[in-house]
């Protein structure tokens, strides 16, 4: 994706909406502790917590998988929707900041240089 952006001289905001970015951040926030536990203990969450010598406490997602009436997989809770709206507002604000614009410009310039070196048979 980075090479695609550099080749086409596009910035991240031109291919990823505020909603896309907010959702990606929400998914990371929602599941980070579960993924960390899975990595550190080898516990996939499909067995009894602690049966493999783990902590014995099964970490759950923050905003999903808590069940509900008629919901097979649980879905997003109301607080997950509220958190998405908060993240959306933050992303929208950050995208407009001078620091964010400067950082993206610097990143794009670095990627253009890296792509040119690769084309010329350089370091990659």
C-alpha atoms as a PDB file:
ATOM      1  CA  UNK A   1       0.000   0.000   0.000  1.00  0.00           C
ATOM      2  CA  UNK A   2       2.846   2.381   0.832  1.00  0.00           C
ATOM      3  CA  UNK A   3       4.483   1.824  -2.566  1.00  0.00           C
ATOM      4  CA  UNK A   4       1.103   2.314  -4.262  1.00  0.00           C
ATOM      5  CA  UNK A   5       0.719   5.665  -2.515  1.00  0.00           C
ATOM      6  CA  UNK A   6       4.218   6.787  -3.433  1.00  0.00           C
ATOM      7  CA  UNK A   7       3.855   5.705  -7.068  1.00  0.00           C
ATOM      8  CA  UNK A   8       0.553   7.510  -7.481  1.00  0.00           C
ATOM      9  CA  UNK A   9       1.635  10.553  -5.457  1.00  0.00           C
ATOM     10  CA  UNK A  10      -1.392  10.212  -3.203  1.00  0.00           C
ATOM     11  CA  UNK A  11      -1.596  10.720   0.511  1.00  0.00           C
ATOM     12  CA  UNK A  12      -3.222   8.303   2.929  1.00  0.00           C
ATOM     13  CA  UNK A  13      -6.301  10.481   3.330  1.00  0.00           C
ATOM     14  CA  UNK A  14      -7.036  10.210  -0.379  1.00  0.00           C
ATOM     15  CA  UNK A  15      -7.585   6.454  -0.193  1.00  0.00           C
ATOM     16  CA  UNK A  16      -8.637   5.933   3.420  1.00  0.00           C
ATOM     17  CA  UNK A  17     -11.667   7.784   4.765  1.00  0.00           C
ATOM     18  CA  UNK A  18     -11.926   9.140   8.284  1.00  0.00           C
ATOM     19  CA  UNK A  19     -14.444   6.376   8.931  1.00  0.00           C
ATOM     20  CA  UNK A  20     -12.000   3.700   7.679  1.00  0.00           C
ATOM     21  CA  UNK A  21      -9.241   4.992   9.939  1.00  0.00           C
ATOM     22  CA  UNK A  22     -11.540   5.320  12.958  1.00  0.00           C
ATOM     23  CA  UNK A  23     -12.835   1.777  12.463  1.00  0.00           C
ATOM     24  CA  UNK A  24      -9.299   0.361  12.167  1.00  0.00           C
ATOM     25  CA  UNK A  25      -8.315   2.109  15.406  1.00  0.00           C
ATOM     26  CA  UNK A  26     -11.477   0.889  17.137  1.00  0.00           C
ATOM     27  CA  UNK A  27     -10.803  -2.719  16.114  1.00  0.00           C
ATOM     28  CA  UNK A  28      -7.241  -2.455  17.447  1.00  0.00           C
ATOM     29  CA  UNK A  29      -8.433  -0.945  20.725  1.00  0.00           C
ATOM     30  CA  UNK A  30     -11.237  -3.487  21.061  1.00  0.00           C
ATOM     31  CA  UNK A  31      -9.061  -6.565  20.598  1.00  0.00           C
ATOM     32  CA  UNK A  32      -5.520  -5.526  21.584  1.00  0.00           C
ATOM     33  CA  UNK A  33      -5.517  -7.141  25.042  1.00  0.00           C
ATOM     34  CA  UNK A  34      -6.959 -10.381  23.658  1.00  0.00           C
ATOM     35  CA  UNK A  35      -4.333 -10.558  20.909  1.00  0.00           C
ATOM     36  CA  UNK A  36      -1.570  -9.746  23.390  1.00  0.00           C
ATOM     37  CA  UNK A  37      -2.743 -12.509  25.715  1.00  0.00           C
ATOM     38  CA  UNK A  38      -2.969 -14.976  22.826  1.00  0.00           C
ATOM     39  CA  UNK A  39       0.577 -14.132  21.782  1.00  0.00           C
ATOM     40  CA  UNK A  40       2.156 -14.216  25.235  1.00  0.00           C
ATOM     41  CA  UNK A  41       0.371 -17.291  26.600  1.00  0.00           C
ATOM     42  CA  UNK A  42      -0.380 -19.232  23.449  1.00  0.00           C
ATOM     43  CA  UNK A  43      -4.009 -19.324  24.643  1.00  0.00           C
ATOM     44  CA  UNK A  44      -6.327 -19.114  21.653  1.00  0.00           C
ATOM     45  CA  UNK A  45      -9.382 -18.457  23.784  1.00  0.00           C
ATOM     46  CA  UNK A  46     -10.879 -21.741  22.660  1.00  0.00           C
ATOM     47  CA  UNK A  47      -9.842 -23.625  25.768  1.00  0.00           C
ATOM     48  CA  UNK A  48     -10.286 -23.082  29.484  1.00  0.00           C
ATOM     49  CA  UNK A  49      -8.136 -20.145  30.515  1.00  0.00           C
ATOM     50  CA  UNK A  50      -5.068 -21.214  32.432  1.00  0.00           C
ATOM     51  CA  UNK A  51      -5.145 -24.837  31.287  1.00  0.00           C
ATOM     52  CA  UNK A  52      -1.822 -24.300  29.510  1.00  0.00           C
ATOM     53  CA  UNK A  53      -0.140 -22.615  32.462  1.00  0.00           C
ATOM     54  CA  UNK A  54      -1.459 -19.168  31.582  1.00  0.00           C
ATOM     55  CA  UNK A  55      -2.812 -16.587  33.948  1.00  0.00           C
ATOM     56  CA  UNK A  56      -6.157 -18.313  34.406  1.00  0.00           C
ATOM     57  CA  UNK A  57      -7.948 -15.111  33.435  1.00  0.00           C
ATOM     58  CA  UNK A  58      -9.375 -14.938  29.941  1.00  0.00           C
ATOM     59  CA  UNK A  59      -9.213 -11.374  28.630  1.00  0.00           C
ATOM     60  CA  UNK A  60     -12.261 -10.276  26.644  1.00  0.00           C
ATOM     61  CA  UNK A  61     -12.719  -7.721  23.891  1.00  0.00           C
ATOM     62  CA  UNK A  62     -13.786  -4.287  25.123  1.00  0.00           C
ATOM     63  CA  UNK A  63     -16.811  -3.659  22.929  1.00  0.00           C
ATOM     64  CA  UNK A  64     -17.783  -6.978  21.289  1.00  0.00           C
ATOM     65  CA  UNK A  65     -18.521 -10.658  21.899  1.00  0.00           C
ATOM     66  CA  UNK A  66     -20.591 -10.202  25.029  1.00  0.00           C
ATOM     67  CA  UNK A  67     -23.609 -11.923  23.607  1.00  0.00           C
ATOM     68  CA  UNK A  68     -27.129 -10.720  23.656  1.00  0.00           C
ATOM     69  CA  UNK A  69     -30.581 -11.903  22.809  1.00  0.00           C
ATOM     70  CA  UNK A  70     -30.664 -13.446  19.347  1.00  0.00           C
ATOM     71  CA  UNK A  71     -27.056 -12.564  18.581  1.00  0.00           C
ATOM     72  CA  UNK A  72     -24.909 -15.483  17.585  1.00  0.00           C
ATOM     73  CA  UNK A  73     -21.583 -13.656  17.808  1.00  0.00           C
ATOM     74  CA  UNK A  74     -22.542 -10.747  20.035  1.00  0.00           C
ATOM     75  CA  UNK A  75     -21.787  -7.845  17.699  1.00  0.00           C
ATOM     76  CA  UNK A  76     -20.855  -4.351  18.806  1.00  0.00           C
ATOM     77  CA  UNK A  77     -22.173  -2.995  22.089  1.00  0.00           C
ATOM     78  CA  UNK A  78     -23.604   0.511  22.415  1.00  0.00           C
ATOM     79  CA  UNK A  79     -20.423   1.704  24.112  1.00  0.00           C
ATOM     80  CA  UNK A  80     -18.488   0.490  21.045  1.00  0.00           C
ATOM     81  CA  UNK A  81     -20.585   2.719  18.794  1.00  0.00           C
ATOM     82  CA  UNK A  82     -20.027   5.641  21.168  1.00  0.00           C
ATOM     83  CA  UNK A  83     -16.269   4.973  21.179  1.00  0.00           C
ATOM     84  CA  UNK A  84     -16.251   4.862  17.360  1.00  0.00           C
ATOM     85  CA  UNK A  85     -17.873   8.306  17.265  1.00  0.00           C
ATOM     86  CA  UNK A  86     -15.240   9.677  19.660  1.00  0.00           C
ATOM     87  CA  UNK A  87     -12.376   8.194  17.633  1.00  0.00           C
ATOM     88  CA  UNK A  88     -13.955   9.486  14.414  1.00  0.00           C
ATOM     89  CA  UNK A  89     -14.004  13.032  15.810  1.00  0.00           C
ATOM     90  CA  UNK A  90     -10.372  12.712  16.953  1.00  0.00           C
ATOM     91  CA  UNK A  91      -9.188  11.409  13.577  1.00  0.00           C
ATOM     92  CA  UNK A  92     -11.056  14.162  11.754  1.00  0.00           C
ATOM     93  CA  UNK A  93      -9.469  16.795  13.990  1.00  0.00           C
ATOM     94  CA  UNK A  94      -5.967  15.297  13.721  1.00  0.00           C
ATOM     95  CA  UNK A  95      -6.121  15.091   9.933  1.00  0.00           C
ATOM     96  CA  UNK A  96      -6.656  18.850   9.814  1.00  0.00           C
ATOM     97  CA  UNK A  97      -3.753  19.687  12.143  1.00  0.00           C
ATOM     98  CA  UNK A  98      -0.574  21.246  10.755  1.00  0.00           C
ATOM     99  CA  UNK A  99       1.585  18.572  12.419  1.00  0.00           C
ATOM    100  CA  UNK A 100      -0.378  15.760  10.802  1.00  0.00           C
ATOM    101  CA  UNK A 101      -0.184  17.338   7.366  1.00  0.00           C
ATOM    102  CA  UNK A 102       3.574  17.910   7.748  1.00  0.00           C
ATOM    103  CA  UNK A 103       4.144  14.348   8.972  1.00  0.00           C
ATOM    104  CA  UNK A 104       2.248  12.850   6.048  1.00  0.00           C
ATOM    105  CA  UNK A 105       4.164  15.029   3.596  1.00  0.00           C
ATOM    106  CA  UNK A 106       7.487  13.950   5.143  1.00  0.00           C
ATOM    107  CA  UNK A 107       6.412  10.297   5.036  1.00  0.00           C
ATOM    108  CA  UNK A 108       5.412  10.562   1.370  1.00  0.00           C
ATOM    109  CA  UNK A 109       8.771  12.153   0.490  1.00  0.00           C
ATOM    110  CA  UNK A 110      10.615   9.341   2.272  1.00  0.00           C
ATOM    111  CA  UNK A 111       8.591   6.740   0.397  1.00  0.00           C
ATOM    112  CA  UNK A 112       9.252   8.421  -2.957  1.00  0.00           C
ATOM    113  CA  UNK A 113      12.998   8.375  -2.280  1.00  0.00           C
ATOM    114  CA  UNK A 114      12.853   4.734  -1.162  1.00  0.00           C
ATOM    115  CA  UNK A 115      10.845   3.749  -4.252  1.00  0.00           C
ATOM    116  CA  UNK A 116      13.342   5.506  -6.554  1.00  0.00           C
ATOM    117  CA  UNK A 117      16.293   3.716  -4.911  1.00  0.00           C
ATOM    118  CA  UNK A 118      14.531   0.377  -5.356  1.00  0.00           C
ATOM    119  CA  UNK A 119      13.847   1.058  -9.049  1.00  0.00           C
ATOM    120  CA  UNK A 120      17.501   1.911  -9.643  1.00  0.00           C
ATOM    121  CA  UNK A 121      18.647  -1.403  -8.156  1.00  0.00           C
ATOM    122  CA  UNK A 122      19.674   0.122  -4.863  1.00  0.00           C
ATOM    123  CA  UNK A 123      19.495  -1.259  -1.388  1.00  0.00           C
ATOM    124  CA  UNK A 124      16.385  -3.427  -1.793  1.00  0.00           C
END
